[in-house]
Amino acid sequence: MARLRPKVLVVDDDAATRDGLTALLESWGYHPLAAGNGQAALQRCNQDLPHAIVSDLMMPGMTGLQFIEALHERVHQVAIIMLTGQATIETAVQAIKLGAYDYLPKPLESAKLRMVLEKGLKQVRFAREANVLRQKLESPLGSYGELIGKSATMRQIYQRLSQLAHTDAAVLVSGESGTGKELVARTLHNLSPRHEETFLVLNCAAMAPTLMESELFGHEKGAFTNALERHLGCFEQADGGTLLLDEITEMTAEVQAKLLRVLEEGQVRRIGAAASIPVGVRVVAATNRLPASAVKEGKLNRDLFYRLNVFHLALPPLRERADDIPLLARYFLESFGEKYQRPIMPWASDFVPALLAHSWPGNVRELRDSMERLALLAPGPTLTATDVQQCRVDAMLADNLARDHQIALQF
């Protein structure tokens, strides 16, 4: 399928300038549109909003400033580049305040226009994609990216994610196991300008302390026994993207100190290497501990805490967002029904009260696993409180078997 060309609307009352710009845009691979005045341009935008607009500032009738004002909230969904004479730079700055992306003086330099247009279109793409996710907040499900829920607490988290997404600031996410810390980090990445780059997760709790440094920073061939070839660490693998350090408090104190240096210097040195390598990675750290308590207990380096805790998102346990439990249950049941090609059974009157009565110590992860069991094993014809109770029994049996297996492995 052919790649869609971005639409760029040229607005100028001078026909020669208008024709010259449309020909130039066509040669650059854009889909040019044209309008001879602000009113005609506004009509075109009402029919089909272009990706970018190159407009003269001073035009008879509707001026460039009036045109921008008439776009209202849509101004942030399109890259507007104003063309102005040197004598009207102050007015052009006013256009920026109204929502224009940039302004260029006349006579126009084509290379400058091309560069500004490319940057503006990139910003607009991010803004439109973020707007699509924001609109999901108004859906009956109340979803935001991969997060589900419309309780007041979750809406506050959605708002904070929206504010943080377009920055490179470090974020520390805390919450009990199963509350969705990785989903929060992934949503933050998907909303950001880095969304086309790598999103990498390193579970610090699952990594042997002796391997952690190599996994994070990489190593050169021959740096230590069994280092048979060069290995790129997580920072190099995620360069340009986002790195989630899950369960950061399980990282040894020595590695935490080295991580702090990498974050402060923006450079990483592989084990056995003679020089450091610059990296541009956004780091999101997650923990199931209270961050301040982890610092007091010596589980989290104090300086690293301050470096990571530029912004802190504390995720609530499921028992504190009970309004979201029926929404999540329905979402999971429908998802697993589709996955396993199973009918979606109606709910008996005692089903939701039984869901709400459970404390869900495993949080969203436990609820998801329970709904998967129901989608596959519930006898029907309706889902009842008895089904919820059976799920809890099955989960307890599975936990006991796993614990017995782990004990057996120790002997």
Protein backbone atom coordinates (compact mmCIF):
# COMPACT_ATOMS: atom_id res chain seq x y z
CA MET A 1 0.00 0.00 0.00
CA ALA A 2 1.35 3.45 -0.94
CA ARG A 3 2.31 5.73 1.94
CA LEU A 4 -0.19 8.55 2.44
CA ARG A 5 1.28 11.95 1.66
CA PRO A 6 0.79 14.67 4.31
CA LYS A 7 -1.63 17.36 3.14
CA VAL A 8 -0.23 20.90 3.21
CA LEU A 9 -2.55 23.85 2.59
CA VAL A 10 -1.02 27.00 1.03
CA VAL A 11 -2.93 30.20 1.83
CA ASP A 12 -1.87 33.32 -0.05
CA ASP A 13 -3.75 36.00 -2.01
CA ASP A 14 -0.88 36.26 -4.50
CA ALA A 15 -1.44 33.65 -7.24
CA ALA A 16 2.22 33.48 -8.29
CA THR A 17 3.39 32.83 -4.72
CA ARG A 18 0.62 30.31 -4.21
CA ASP A 19 1.47 28.39 -7.38
CA GLY A 20 5.19 28.45 -6.64
CA LEU A 21 4.71 27.04 -3.14
CA THR A 22 2.35 24.27 -4.26
CA ALA A 23 4.84 23.21 -6.94
CA LEU A 24 7.64 23.19 -4.37
CA LEU A 25 5.61 21.12 -1.92
CA GLU A 26 4.68 18.67 -4.67
CA SER A 27 8.38 18.19 -5.48
CA TRP A 28 9.05 17.37 -1.80
CA GLY A 29 6.47 14.59 -1.80
CA TYR A 30 3.61 16.41 -0.05
CA HIS A 31 0.00 16.65 -1.18
CA PRO A 32 -0.45 20.41 -1.70
CA LEU A 33 -3.78 22.24 -1.44
CA ALA A 34 -4.38 25.91 -2.13
CA ALA A 35 -6.65 28.74 -1.00
CA GLY A 36 -6.61 32.38 -2.10
CA ASN A 37 -7.76 33.88 1.21
CA GLY A 38 -8.41 33.08 4.85
CA GLN A 39 -12.13 32.45 4.45
CA ALA A 40 -11.58 29.91 1.65
CA ALA A 41 -8.86 28.25 3.74
CA LEU A 42 -11.21 27.97 6.71
CA GLN A 43 -13.85 26.29 4.55
CA ARG A 44 -11.26 23.75 3.37
CA CYS A 45 -10.22 23.06 6.97
CA ASN A 46 -13.83 22.53 8.01
CA GLN A 47 -14.18 19.89 5.29
CA ASP A 48 -10.85 18.13 5.83
CA LEU A 49 -8.22 19.39 8.25
CA PRO A 50 -4.78 19.29 6.57
CA HIS A 51 -1.64 18.19 8.38
CA ALA A 52 0.08 21.55 7.87
CA ILE A 53 -0.73 25.07 6.67
CA VAL A 54 1.66 27.58 5.08
CA SER A 55 -0.11 30.92 5.22
CA ASP A 56 0.63 34.54 4.48
CA LEU A 57 0.08 36.68 7.56
CA MET A 58 -1.20 39.85 5.88
CA MET A 59 -4.16 39.18 3.56
CA PRO A 60 -7.21 41.24 2.65
CA GLY A 61 -10.41 40.23 4.40
CA MET A 62 -9.55 37.58 6.99
CA THR A 63 -5.95 38.02 8.15
CA GLY A 64 -3.64 35.20 9.12
CA LEU A 65 -4.24 35.94 12.81
CA GLN A 66 -8.02 35.84 12.36
CA PHE A 67 -7.67 32.59 10.43
CA ILE A 68 -5.74 30.98 13.32
CA GLU A 69 -8.30 32.20 15.85
CA ALA A 70 -11.12 30.76 13.74
CA LEU A 71 -9.57 27.28 13.92
CA HIS A 72 -10.16 27.28 17.69
CA GLU A 73 -8.97 24.08 19.42
CA ARG A 74 -8.05 22.47 16.08
CA VAL A 75 -5.03 24.74 15.88
CA HIS A 76 -3.01 22.21 17.89
CA GLN A 77 -3.83 19.43 15.43
CA VAL A 78 -2.13 21.15 12.48
CA ALA A 79 1.34 22.67 11.95
CA ILE A 80 0.77 26.30 10.96
CA ILE A 81 3.72 28.17 9.45
CA MET A 82 3.16 31.88 8.93
CA LEU A 83 4.97 33.88 6.23
CA THR A 84 5.65 37.50 7.07
CA GLY A 85 7.64 40.53 6.05
CA GLN A 86 10.34 41.78 8.43
CA ALA A 87 8.15 44.69 9.44
CA THR A 88 5.52 42.39 10.94
CA ILE A 89 7.70 40.10 13.09
CA GLU A 90 5.89 41.26 16.24
CA THR A 91 2.59 40.19 14.73
CA ALA A 92 4.12 36.85 13.78
CA VAL A 93 5.11 36.29 17.41
CA GLN A 94 1.49 36.94 18.31
CA ALA A 95 0.54 34.20 15.85
CA ILE A 96 2.82 31.78 17.71
CA LYS A 97 1.01 32.61 20.95
CA LEU A 98 -2.30 31.82 19.25
CA GLY A 99 -1.05 28.36 18.26
CA ALA A 100 1.00 28.70 15.08
CA TYR A 101 4.02 26.37 14.99
CA ASP A 102 6.53 28.84 13.53
CA TYR A 103 6.93 31.84 11.25
CA LEU A 104 9.35 32.53 8.40
CA PRO A 105 10.35 35.93 7.01
CA LYS A 106 10.04 36.90 3.38
CA PRO A 107 11.77 36.44 1.00
CA LEU A 108 11.31 32.77 1.79
CA GLU A 109 14.25 30.35 1.96
CA SER A 110 13.03 27.00 0.63
CA ALA A 111 15.52 24.95 2.68
CA LYS A 112 14.36 26.64 5.89
CA LEU A 113 10.71 26.03 5.01
CA ARG A 114 11.38 22.35 4.35
CA MET A 115 13.15 21.89 7.70
CA VAL A 116 10.48 23.72 9.70
CA LEU A 117 7.71 21.86 7.89
CA GLU A 118 9.25 18.46 8.68
CA LYS A 119 9.61 19.32 12.37
CA GLY A 120 6.11 20.76 12.55
CA LEU A 121 4.53 17.70 10.94
CA LYS A 122 6.35 15.45 13.39
CA GLN A 123 4.98 17.42 16.34
CA VAL A 124 1.48 17.36 14.88
CA ARG A 125 1.64 13.59 14.46
CA PHE A 126 2.41 13.22 18.15
CA ALA A 127 -0.40 15.64 19.08
CA ARG A 128 -2.97 13.81 16.94
CA GLU A 129 -1.98 10.39 18.28
CA ALA A 130 -2.15 11.66 21.85
CA ASN A 131 -5.55 13.20 21.14
CA VAL A 132 -6.87 9.84 19.93
CA LEU A 133 -5.85 8.29 23.25
CA ARG A 134 -7.37 11.15 25.23
CA GLN A 135 -10.68 10.69 23.43
CA LYS A 136 -10.84 7.14 24.75
CA LEU A 137 -11.44 8.66 28.18
CA GLU A 138 -14.94 9.45 26.99
CA SER A 139 -15.63 5.86 25.95
CA PRO A 140 -17.96 3.73 28.11
CA LEU A 141 -14.96 1.63 29.09
CA GLY A 142 -12.90 4.60 30.19
CA SER A 143 -9.65 3.39 28.67
CA TYR A 144 -6.42 5.31 28.15
CA GLY A 145 -3.84 3.52 26.07
CA GLU A 146 -3.67 0.03 27.56
CA LEU A 147 -5.03 1.20 30.91
CA ILE A 148 -8.66 0.49 31.83
CA GLY A 149 -10.80 2.38 34.33
CA LYS A 150 -12.68 5.61 34.81
CA SER A 151 -12.53 6.06 38.58
CA ALA A 152 -11.45 9.48 39.84
CA THR A 153 -8.02 8.12 40.81
CA MET A 154 -7.37 6.65 37.37
CA ARG A 155 -8.49 9.82 35.63
CA GLN A 156 -5.92 11.74 37.67
CA ILE A 157 -3.26 9.30 36.50
CA TYR A 158 -4.38 9.70 32.88
CA GLN A 159 -4.10 13.47 33.24
CA ARG A 160 -0.60 13.21 34.67
CA LEU A 161 0.49 10.83 31.91
CA SER A 162 -0.78 13.29 29.33
CA GLN A 163 1.30 16.04 30.92
CA LEU A 164 4.46 13.95 31.21
CA ALA A 165 4.40 12.17 27.86
CA HIS A 166 6.08 14.89 25.80
CA THR A 167 8.91 15.45 28.27
CA ASP A 168 12.06 13.40 28.81
CA ALA A 169 11.80 13.63 32.59
CA ALA A 170 12.44 10.49 34.63
CA VAL A 171 9.34 8.94 36.20
CA LEU A 172 9.11 6.67 39.24
CA VAL A 173 6.03 4.42 39.30
CA SER A 174 5.10 2.71 42.55
CA GLY A 175 2.31 0.33 43.44
CA GLU A 176 1.54 -3.16 44.64
CA SER A 177 2.26 -6.12 42.37
CA GLY A 178 -0.34 -6.40 39.64
CA THR A 179 -1.49 -2.77 39.66
CA GLY A 180 -0.25 -2.12 36.11
CA LYS A 181 3.13 -0.40 36.50
CA GLU A 182 4.43 -1.76 33.20
CA LEU A 183 1.24 -0.69 31.40
CA VAL A 184 1.69 2.83 32.76
CA ALA A 185 5.28 2.93 31.48
CA ARG A 186 4.21 1.55 28.10
CA THR A 187 1.40 4.13 27.80
CA LEU A 188 3.86 6.88 28.68
CA HIS A 189 6.16 5.63 25.91
CA ASN A 190 3.35 5.28 23.35
CA LEU A 191 2.22 8.87 23.97
CA SER A 192 5.74 10.28 23.69
CA PRO A 193 7.83 11.42 20.71
CA ARG A 194 9.84 8.23 21.30
CA HIS A 195 6.90 5.95 20.49
CA GLU A 196 8.43 4.65 17.25
CA GLU A 197 11.62 3.66 19.05
CA THR A 198 12.33 0.74 21.40
CA PHE A 199 10.42 0.14 24.63
CA LEU A 200 12.56 -2.20 26.73
CA VAL A 201 11.78 -3.77 30.11
CA LEU A 202 14.42 -5.05 32.53
CA ASN A 203 13.04 -6.95 35.53
CA CYS A 204 15.69 -6.32 38.17
CA ALA A 205 14.16 -8.92 40.52
CA ALA A 206 14.61 -11.67 37.93
CA MET A 207 18.23 -10.83 37.16
CA ALA A 208 21.13 -12.45 39.03
CA PRO A 209 23.24 -9.73 40.77
CA THR A 210 26.39 -10.95 39.00
CA LEU A 211 24.77 -10.40 35.59
CA MET A 212 22.98 -7.12 36.29
CA GLU A 213 25.84 -4.79 35.40
CA SER A 214 26.51 -6.54 32.09
CA GLU A 215 22.80 -6.58 31.24
CA LEU A 216 22.45 -2.88 31.92
CA PHE A 217 25.68 -1.49 30.51
CA GLY A 218 26.96 -4.24 28.21
CA HIS A 219 30.46 -5.73 27.95
CA GLU A 220 33.29 -6.14 25.50
CA LYS A 221 34.53 -9.47 24.23
CA GLY A 222 36.96 -10.97 26.74
CA ALA A 223 35.95 -8.58 29.54
CA PHE A 224 35.46 -11.55 31.87
CA THR A 225 35.21 -15.33 31.79
CA ASN A 226 32.63 -16.52 29.23
CA ALA A 227 32.46 -13.06 27.61
CA LEU A 228 32.89 -14.65 24.20
CA GLU A 229 31.53 -11.69 22.22
CA ARG A 230 30.53 -8.06 22.63
CA HIS A 231 27.14 -7.54 24.30
CA LEU A 232 25.11 -4.35 24.07
CA GLY A 233 23.44 -3.45 27.35
CA CYS A 234 19.91 -2.21 27.87
CA PHE A 235 20.89 1.45 27.53
CA GLU A 236 22.35 0.92 24.08
CA GLN A 237 19.50 -1.37 23.02
CA ALA A 238 16.93 1.24 24.08
CA ASP A 239 18.86 4.25 22.75
CA GLY A 240 16.33 6.80 21.51
CA GLY A 241 13.49 4.99 23.26
CA THR A 242 12.32 4.16 26.77
CA LEU A 243 13.82 1.79 29.36
CA LEU A 244 11.65 0.48 32.18
CA LEU A 245 13.66 -0.69 35.19
CA ASP A 246 11.11 -2.84 37.00
CA GLU A 247 11.59 -3.52 40.71
CA ILE A 248 14.48 -1.06 40.89
CA THR A 249 14.96 -1.69 44.64
CA GLU A 250 16.15 -5.24 43.87
CA MET A 251 19.24 -3.84 42.16
CA THR A 252 22.43 -4.06 44.23
CA ALA A 253 23.82 -0.91 45.85
CA GLU A 254 26.94 -1.05 43.67
CA VAL A 255 24.98 -1.21 40.42
CA GLN A 256 22.61 1.52 41.64
CA ALA A 257 25.61 3.82 42.09
CA LYS A 258 26.81 3.09 38.56
CA LEU A 259 23.29 3.60 37.20
CA LEU A 260 23.16 7.01 38.86
CA ARG A 261 26.36 8.02 37.08
CA VAL A 262 24.95 6.95 33.71
CA LEU A 263 21.77 8.96 34.29
CA GLU A 264 23.73 12.06 35.31
CA GLU A 265 26.28 11.89 32.49
CA GLY A 266 24.10 10.53 29.69
CA GLN A 267 26.89 8.11 28.81
CA VAL A 268 27.42 4.40 29.33
CA ARG A 269 30.66 2.39 29.37
CA ARG A 270 30.58 -1.30 28.62
CA ILE A 271 32.50 -3.56 31.00
CA GLY A 272 36.04 -3.81 29.64
CA ALA A 273 35.66 -0.80 27.32
CA ALA A 274 38.13 2.08 27.21
CA ALA A 275 35.61 4.81 26.39
CA SER A 276 32.02 5.78 27.18
CA ILE A 277 29.20 5.98 24.63
CA PRO A 278 26.53 8.72 24.68
CA VAL A 279 22.97 7.40 25.00
CA GLY A 280 19.60 9.11 24.87
CA VAL A 281 17.20 6.96 26.86
CA ARG A 282 14.16 7.93 28.87
CA VAL A 283 14.21 5.92 32.09
CA VAL A 284 11.07 4.89 33.94
CA ALA A 285 11.63 3.05 37.20
CA ALA A 286 9.05 0.93 39.02
CA THR A 287 8.82 -0.59 42.48
CA ASN A 288 6.25 -2.39 44.60
CA ARG A 289 7.73 -0.78 47.71
CA LEU A 290 7.01 2.66 49.12
CA PRO A 291 9.93 4.65 47.65
CA ALA A 292 10.62 6.70 50.78
CA SER A 293 10.63 3.56 52.93
CA ALA A 294 12.96 1.83 50.47
CA VAL A 295 15.44 4.70 50.89
CA LYS A 296 15.28 4.46 54.70
CA GLU A 297 15.76 0.69 54.55
CA GLY A 298 18.80 1.04 52.30
CA LYS A 299 17.09 -0.67 49.38
CA LEU A 300 17.25 2.42 47.18
CA ASN A 301 20.21 4.78 46.84
CA ARG A 302 19.08 8.18 48.14
CA ASP A 303 20.70 10.17 45.29
CA LEU A 304 19.31 7.71 42.72
CA PHE A 305 15.87 8.14 44.28
CA TYR A 306 16.04 11.89 43.78
CA ARG A 307 17.28 11.43 40.22
CA LEU A 308 14.47 9.00 39.34
CA ASN A 309 11.74 10.69 41.33
CA VAL A 310 11.45 13.78 39.13
CA PHE A 311 7.80 12.74 38.83
CA HIS A 312 6.12 10.08 40.95
CA LEU A 313 3.04 8.10 39.94
CA ALA A 314 1.52 6.05 42.77
CA LEU A 315 -0.88 3.43 41.40
CA PRO A 316 -3.81 2.51 43.64
CA PRO A 317 -4.55 -1.13 44.54
CA LEU A 318 -7.67 -2.53 42.93
CA ARG A 319 -9.54 -2.55 46.26
CA GLU A 320 -9.26 1.27 46.29
CA ARG A 321 -10.78 1.64 42.82
CA ALA A 322 -13.76 -0.69 43.20
CA ASP A 323 -15.76 1.26 40.60
CA ASP A 324 -13.38 -0.08 37.96
CA ILE A 325 -13.72 -3.76 38.88
CA PRO A 326 -16.89 -4.44 36.80
CA LEU A 327 -15.37 -2.53 33.84
CA LEU A 328 -12.17 -4.54 34.01
CA ALA A 329 -14.05 -7.82 34.45
CA ARG A 330 -16.18 -7.18 31.37
CA TYR A 331 -13.16 -6.13 29.32
CA PHE A 332 -11.21 -9.27 30.24
CA LEU A 333 -14.18 -11.59 29.69
CA GLU A 334 -14.84 -10.12 26.25
CA SER A 335 -11.13 -10.28 25.34
CA PHE A 336 -10.78 -13.91 26.39
CA GLY A 337 -14.11 -14.83 24.84
CA GLU A 338 -12.81 -13.54 21.53
CA LYS A 339 -9.40 -15.17 22.00
CA TYR A 340 -10.80 -18.62 22.81
CA GLN A 341 -13.93 -18.27 20.67
CA ARG A 342 -16.18 -18.77 23.67
CA PRO A 343 -19.63 -17.22 24.19
CA ILE A 344 -19.85 -14.28 26.58
CA MET A 345 -22.23 -15.33 29.36
CA PRO A 346 -24.57 -12.86 31.06
CA TRP A 347 -24.04 -11.96 34.70
CA ALA A 348 -26.34 -13.14 37.47
CA SER A 349 -27.36 -10.55 40.07
CA ASP A 350 -24.87 -11.88 42.63
CA PHE A 351 -21.84 -11.85 40.30
CA VAL A 352 -20.74 -8.20 40.68
CA PRO A 353 -21.29 -8.13 44.48
CA ALA A 354 -19.05 -11.21 44.72
CA LEU A 355 -16.36 -9.44 42.67
CA LEU A 356 -16.57 -6.38 44.89
CA ALA A 357 -16.48 -8.43 48.09
CA HIS A 358 -13.06 -9.90 47.24
CA SER A 359 -9.99 -7.87 48.27
CA TRP A 360 -7.99 -8.83 45.13
CA PRO A 361 -4.54 -8.97 46.75
CA GLY A 362 -3.07 -9.70 43.31
CA ASN A 363 -4.83 -6.61 41.94
CA VAL A 364 -5.58 -6.30 38.20
CA ARG A 365 -3.34 -9.26 37.36
CA GLU A 366 -5.36 -11.53 39.69
CA LEU A 367 -8.65 -10.26 38.26
CA ARG A 368 -7.39 -10.86 34.73
CA ASP A 369 -6.34 -14.44 35.54
CA SER A 370 -9.69 -15.12 37.21
CA MET A 371 -11.65 -13.86 34.22
CA GLU A 372 -9.55 -16.05 31.92
CA ARG A 373 -10.52 -19.08 34.02
CA LEU A 374 -14.18 -18.10 33.86
CA ALA A 375 -14.07 -17.58 30.11
CA LEU A 376 -12.74 -21.11 29.71
CA LEU A 377 -14.26 -23.14 32.55
CA ALA A 378 -17.46 -21.53 33.89
CA PRO A 379 -20.33 -24.03 33.38
CA GLY A 380 -22.95 -21.35 32.67
CA PRO A 381 -25.50 -20.43 31.56
CA THR A 382 -24.73 -17.33 33.66
CA LEU A 383 -21.77 -16.15 35.70
CA THR A 384 -22.52 -16.27 39.42
CA ALA A 385 -20.96 -15.68 42.82
CA THR A 386 -20.20 -19.40 42.95
CA ASP A 387 -17.99 -19.02 39.87
CA VAL A 388 -16.06 -16.23 41.58
CA GLN A 389 -15.57 -18.36 44.67
CA GLN A 390 -14.34 -21.29 42.56
CA CYS A 391 -11.79 -19.03 40.90
CA ARG A 392 -10.43 -18.08 44.31
CA VAL A 393 -10.17 -21.73 45.32
CA ASP A 394 -8.38 -22.60 42.08
CA ALA A 395 -5.96 -19.72 42.57
CA MET A 396 -5.15 -20.83 46.14
CA LEU A 397 -4.50 -24.40 44.96
CA ALA A 398 -2.20 -23.13 42.19
CA ASP A 399 -0.27 -20.96 44.69
CA ASN A 400 0.14 -23.90 47.09
CA LEU A 401 1.41 -26.17 44.30
CA ALA A 402 3.90 -23.53 43.17
CA ARG A 403 5.11 -23.03 46.76
CA ASP A 404 5.51 -26.78 47.32
CA HIS A 405 7.44 -27.06 44.06
CA GLN A 406 9.75 -24.23 45.06
CA ILE A 407 10.43 -25.83 48.47
CA ALA A 408 11.15 -29.18 46.78
CA LEU A 409 13.74 -27.54 44.53
CA GLN A 410 15.65 -26.34 47.58
CA PHE A 411 16.35 -29.92 48.75
